[in-house]
């Protein structure tokens, strides 16, 4: 429930790029400063904001970026594409994960925003049900023997907990007049517009 970010570290510098290749280094100065001290390599992961229960909160992430308050964001690393000059992409995922865990261990205290994402070699259905009970977005299932390939691939599958619905925006609620807290939405039925609830936005007042 965050933004996919790849971090390239080399020569005492770090560059943060989005999934589409945009350079977002300037948007996350604290993470970029940390990552510049890490060993050379290219890490793939997800940048998230955590709520008070330590759960990912996408609205909070959007608000943090909009307000320029990104120091507390957490980078969850799930793949290592290069280590130094070595291209790990042809290696199986199991090998890359082991190398990533060792990489994160070496970073240690130099990476307070860096967290290694462990994997569960168990029933995908069981893990998905647990994720949904925790109100997470879903799970990614990957083949442990697969090499890394950019873009969509048959070697991984995204399973979401949350469904989608088409709604009408009828209004909004605010918090102290400083920010839009949520949208108030409804659906059309035989009796007219029926209220369905609130939707978080992450919008700032501007």
Protein backbone atom coordinates (compact mmCIF):
# COMPACT_ATOMS: atom_id res chain seq x y z
CA UNK A 1 0.00 0.00 0.00
CA UNK A 2 2.74 2.43 -1.01
CA UNK A 3 4.86 3.60 -3.94
CA UNK A 4 7.13 1.19 -5.79
CA UNK A 5 10.64 2.67 -5.70
CA UNK A 6 14.00 1.36 -6.93
CA UNK A 7 17.09 2.71 -5.17
CA UNK A 8 20.40 2.73 -7.05
CA UNK A 9 23.41 3.25 -4.79
CA UNK A 10 26.91 3.93 -6.09
CA UNK A 11 29.86 6.20 -5.50
CA UNK A 12 28.42 7.63 -2.31
CA UNK A 13 25.20 8.71 -4.01
CA UNK A 14 21.68 7.28 -4.23
CA UNK A 15 19.01 7.76 -6.89
CA UNK A 16 15.36 6.90 -6.22
CA UNK A 17 13.23 6.05 -9.25
CA UNK A 18 9.55 5.24 -9.67
CA UNK A 19 8.21 2.24 -11.54
CA UNK A 20 7.97 4.40 -14.69
CA UNK A 21 11.57 5.59 -14.32
CA UNK A 22 10.95 9.09 -12.89
CA UNK A 23 13.69 10.45 -10.64
CA UNK A 24 12.04 11.13 -7.25
CA UNK A 25 15.27 11.50 -5.25
CA UNK A 26 14.48 15.12 -4.32
CA UNK A 27 11.08 14.11 -2.94
CA UNK A 28 12.61 11.84 -0.29
CA UNK A 29 15.78 13.61 0.92
CA UNK A 30 16.06 11.72 4.23
CA UNK A 31 15.91 8.31 2.55
CA UNK A 32 18.29 9.43 -0.23
CA UNK A 33 20.81 10.65 2.37
CA UNK A 34 20.60 7.33 4.24
CA UNK A 35 20.85 5.22 1.08
CA UNK A 36 23.95 7.09 -0.10
CA UNK A 37 25.86 5.39 2.76
CA UNK A 38 24.72 1.86 1.88
CA UNK A 39 26.80 -0.63 -0.15
CA UNK A 40 26.64 -0.20 -3.93
CA UNK A 41 23.68 -1.95 -5.52
CA UNK A 42 20.14 -1.63 -6.87
CA UNK A 43 17.29 -2.44 -4.49
CA UNK A 44 13.62 -2.90 -5.41
CA UNK A 45 10.96 -2.13 -2.84
CA UNK A 46 7.92 -0.21 -1.66
CA UNK A 47 7.94 3.13 0.17
CA UNK A 48 5.17 3.36 2.79
CA UNK A 49 3.76 5.55 5.52
CA UNK A 50 2.74 3.67 8.66
CA UNK A 51 -0.24 4.53 10.84
CA UNK A 52 -0.10 4.41 14.68
CA UNK A 53 -0.75 0.63 14.50
CA UNK A 54 2.32 0.24 12.21
CA UNK A 55 0.14 -0.65 9.23
CA UNK A 56 0.68 0.86 5.74
CA UNK A 57 -1.57 3.86 5.07
CA UNK A 58 -1.67 5.08 1.46
CA UNK A 59 -3.60 8.26 2.27
CA UNK A 60 -0.98 9.17 4.87
CA UNK A 61 1.74 8.55 2.29
CA UNK A 62 0.10 10.89 -0.21
CA UNK A 63 -0.35 13.54 2.48
CA UNK A 64 3.28 13.22 3.60
CA UNK A 65 4.55 13.72 0.06
CA UNK A 66 2.17 16.63 -0.56
CA UNK A 67 3.26 18.36 2.65
CA UNK A 68 6.97 17.55 2.24
CA UNK A 69 7.00 15.54 5.49
CA UNK A 70 8.74 12.37 4.28
CA UNK A 71 11.42 11.74 6.94
CA UNK A 72 9.35 9.08 8.75
CA UNK A 73 8.55 6.99 5.65
CA UNK A 74 9.69 3.35 5.63
CA UNK A 75 11.29 1.57 2.66
CA UNK A 76 10.36 -2.12 2.50
CA UNK A 77 13.01 -3.88 0.36
CA UNK A 78 11.87 -7.06 -1.39
CA UNK A 79 14.45 -7.67 -4.15
CA UNK A 80 18.12 -7.03 -4.95
CA UNK A 81 18.83 -6.54 -8.66
CA UNK A 82 22.52 -5.61 -8.50
CA UNK A 83 25.12 -5.94 -5.77
CA UNK A 84 28.14 -3.86 -6.65
CA UNK A 85 28.76 -4.56 -10.34
CA UNK A 86 27.17 -8.03 -10.19
CA UNK A 87 23.88 -8.38 -12.09
CA UNK A 88 21.63 -10.59 -9.97
CA UNK A 89 18.60 -10.43 -12.26
CA UNK A 90 19.27 -13.81 -13.97
CA UNK A 91 19.54 -15.50 -10.56
CA UNK A 92 16.47 -17.19 -9.01
CA UNK A 93 14.40 -15.16 -6.57
CA UNK A 94 15.46 -17.41 -3.68
CA UNK A 95 19.11 -16.46 -4.33
CA UNK A 96 18.32 -12.74 -4.66
CA UNK A 97 16.29 -12.76 -1.42
CA UNK A 98 19.17 -14.37 0.48
CA UNK A 99 21.57 -11.79 -0.91
CA UNK A 100 19.10 -8.99 -0.05
CA UNK A 101 18.78 -10.16 3.55
CA UNK A 102 22.57 -10.20 3.90
CA UNK A 103 22.71 -6.74 2.28
CA UNK A 104 20.16 -5.32 4.74
CA UNK A 105 22.08 -6.90 7.64
CA UNK A 106 25.24 -5.12 6.45
CA UNK A 107 23.39 -1.79 6.25
CA UNK A 108 22.22 -2.26 9.85
CA UNK A 109 21.90 0.97 11.87
CA UNK A 110 22.86 3.05 8.81
CA UNK A 111 19.40 2.31 7.41
CA UNK A 112 16.71 3.08 10.01
CA UNK A 113 14.20 3.54 7.18
CA UNK A 114 15.16 0.23 5.51
CA UNK A 115 13.28 -2.98 6.30
CA UNK A 116 13.80 -6.38 4.73
CA UNK A 117 10.60 -8.04 3.48
CA UNK A 118 10.63 -11.70 4.43
CA UNK A 119 8.60 -14.27 2.51
CA UNK A 120 6.24 -17.07 3.47
CA UNK A 121 6.73 -20.38 1.68
CA UNK A 122 3.23 -21.60 2.56
CA UNK A 123 -0.31 -21.70 1.23
CA UNK A 124 -1.05 -18.52 -0.71
CA UNK A 125 -4.72 -18.69 0.30
CA UNK A 126 -3.81 -18.81 4.00
CA UNK A 127 -1.46 -15.84 3.70
CA UNK A 128 -4.05 -13.85 1.73
CA UNK A 129 -6.78 -14.50 4.31
CA UNK A 130 -4.43 -13.34 7.06
CA UNK A 131 -3.54 -10.20 5.08
CA UNK A 132 -7.21 -9.38 4.55
CA UNK A 133 -7.98 -9.83 8.25
CA UNK A 134 -5.20 -7.31 8.93
CA UNK A 135 -6.84 -4.90 6.47
CA UNK A 136 -3.81 -4.97 4.13
CA UNK A 137 -4.11 -4.37 0.40
CA UNK A 138 -3.29 -7.98 -0.49
CA UNK A 139 -0.30 -10.22 -1.22
CA UNK A 140 2.18 -10.83 -4.01
CA UNK A 141 2.93 -14.48 -4.84
CA UNK A 142 6.20 -15.16 -6.68
CA UNK A 143 7.98 -18.22 -8.04
CA UNK A 144 11.13 -18.77 -5.99
CA UNK A 145 13.08 -20.15 -8.95
CA UNK A 146 12.22 -17.25 -11.31
CA UNK A 147 14.72 -14.66 -12.59
CA UNK A 148 13.87 -10.96 -12.38
CA UNK A 149 11.92 -9.52 -15.30
CA UNK A 150 10.72 -5.93 -15.54
CA UNK A 151 6.99 -5.37 -16.07
CA UNK A 152 4.18 -7.90 -15.94
CA UNK A 153 5.19 -11.55 -15.86
CA UNK A 154 3.65 -14.98 -15.36
CA UNK A 155 6.14 -15.57 -12.53
CA UNK A 156 4.23 -13.41 -10.04
CA UNK A 157 0.61 -12.81 -9.11
CA UNK A 158 -1.07 -9.98 -7.18
CA UNK A 159 -4.08 -10.96 -5.07
CA UNK A 160 -6.08 -8.05 -3.62
CA UNK A 161 -8.28 -8.01 -0.56
CA UNK A 162 -10.25 -4.94 -1.50
CA UNK A 163 -12.94 -4.81 -4.14
CA UNK A 164 -13.81 -1.78 -6.25
CA UNK A 165 -17.06 0.09 -6.69
CA UNK A 166 -18.23 3.11 -8.67
CA UNK A 167 -19.53 5.83 -6.37
CA UNK A 168 -20.80 9.41 -6.46
CA UNK A 169 -18.89 12.02 -4.43
CA UNK A 170 -21.49 13.95 -2.44
CA UNK A 171 -19.29 15.97 -0.10
CA UNK A 172 -16.29 15.90 2.21
CA UNK A 173 -15.30 16.09 5.84
CA UNK A 174 -12.41 18.14 7.21
CA UNK A 175 -10.19 18.09 10.27
CA UNK A 176 -9.87 21.46 11.93
CA UNK A 177 -10.38 23.12 8.58
CA UNK A 178 -6.75 22.32 7.69
CA UNK A 179 -7.18 19.35 5.42
CA UNK A 180 -9.70 17.21 3.64
CA UNK A 181 -10.04 14.17 5.86
CA UNK A 182 -12.29 12.06 3.66
CA UNK A 183 -14.81 12.11 0.82
CA UNK A 184 -18.45 11.26 1.50
CA UNK A 185 -19.71 8.90 -1.18
CA UNK A 186 -22.91 7.19 -2.24
CA UNK A 187 -24.46 5.02 -4.93
CA UNK A 188 -27.53 5.45 -7.08
CA UNK A 189 -30.38 3.05 -6.41
CA UNK A 190 -34.17 3.02 -6.91
CA UNK A 191 -34.75 5.49 -4.08
CA UNK A 192 -32.10 7.95 -5.29
CA UNK A 193 -28.63 8.52 -3.92
CA UNK A 194 -27.81 6.25 -0.97
CA UNK A 195 -24.91 7.07 1.37
CA UNK A 196 -22.20 4.38 1.46
CA UNK A 197 -19.51 5.85 3.69
CA UNK A 198 -16.19 7.68 3.71
CA UNK A 199 -13.13 7.35 1.48
CA UNK A 200 -9.67 8.58 2.53
CA UNK A 201 -7.98 11.00 0.13
CA UNK A 202 -4.54 12.09 1.31
CA UNK A 203 -5.34 15.56 -0.12
CA UNK A 204 -3.86 18.63 1.52
CA UNK A 205 -5.90 21.82 1.88
CA UNK A 206 -4.26 23.21 -1.26
